[in-house]
C-alpha atoms as a PDB file:
ATOM      1  CA  MET A   1      -9.638   7.383   3.220  1.00  0.00           C
ATOM      2  CA  GLU A   2      -9.825   4.451   5.631  1.00  0.00           C
ATOM      3  CA  ARG A   3     -10.088   2.082   2.676  1.00  0.00           C
ATOM      4  CA  MET A   4      -6.916   3.589   1.209  1.00  0.00           C
ATOM      5  CA  ILE A   5      -5.069   3.045   4.500  1.00  0.00           C
ATOM      6  CA  GLN A   6      -6.272  -0.551   4.750  1.00  0.00           C
ATOM      7  CA  ASN A   7      -5.104  -1.237   1.186  1.00  0.00           C
ATOM      8  CA  THR A   8      -1.660   0.263   1.833  1.00  0.00           C
ATOM      9  CA  THR A   9      -1.212  -1.663   5.099  1.00  0.00           C
ATOM     10  CA  ALA A  10      -2.203  -4.859   3.287  1.00  0.00           C
ATOM     11  CA  LYS A  11       0.415  -4.111   0.596  1.00  0.00           C
ATOM     12  CA  PHE A  12       3.045  -3.531   3.280  1.00  0.00           C
ATOM     13  CA  PHE A  13       2.599  -7.160   4.364  1.00  0.00           C
ATOM     14  CA  LEU A  14       1.728  -8.825   1.049  1.00  0.00           C
ATOM     15  CA  ILE A  15       4.158  -7.198  -1.380  1.00  0.00           C
ATOM     16  CA  PRO A  16       7.385  -8.072   0.534  1.00  0.00           C
ATOM     17  CA  MET A  17       6.243 -11.710   0.643  1.00  0.00           C
ATOM     18  CA  MET A  18       5.770 -11.582  -3.129  1.00  0.00           C
ATOM     19  CA  GLY A  19       9.291 -10.204  -3.572  1.00  0.00           C
ATOM     20  CA  GLU A  20       8.116  -6.759  -4.713  1.00  0.00           C
ATOM     21  CA  GLU A  21      10.026  -4.663  -2.185  1.00  0.00           C
ATOM     22  CA  THR A  22      11.108  -2.205  -4.893  1.00  0.00           C
ATOM     23  CA  PHE A  23       7.480  -1.619  -5.909  1.00  0.00           C
ATOM     24  CA  LEU A  24       6.580  -0.957  -2.257  1.00  0.00           C
ATOM     25  CA  LEU A  25       9.465   1.488  -1.866  1.00  0.00           C
ATOM     26  CA  GLN A  26       8.450   3.354  -5.037  1.00  0.00           C
ATOM     27  CA  ASN A  27       4.890   3.760  -3.725  1.00  0.00           C
ATOM     28  CA  LEU A  28       6.229   4.897  -0.340  1.00  0.00           C
ATOM     29  CA  MET A  29       8.373   7.543  -2.056  1.00  0.00           C
ATOM     30  CA  LYS A  30       5.310   8.765  -3.984  1.00  0.00           C
ATOM     31  CA  TRP A  31       3.352   9.067  -0.722  1.00  0.00           C
ATOM     32  CA  MET A  32       6.212  11.035   0.840  1.00  0.00           C
ATOM     33  CA  ASP A  33       6.316  13.450  -2.116  1.00  0.00           C
ATOM     34  CA  ILE A  34       2.555  14.054  -1.830  1.00  0.00           C
END
């Protein structure tokens, strides 16, 4: 579980820099649904 959180927090910082904001938002929506 902690590893999952660390991976998601890393994506929160890395993905926007890579210009993948839409991908991040899609994952966030999936987390909200679950």
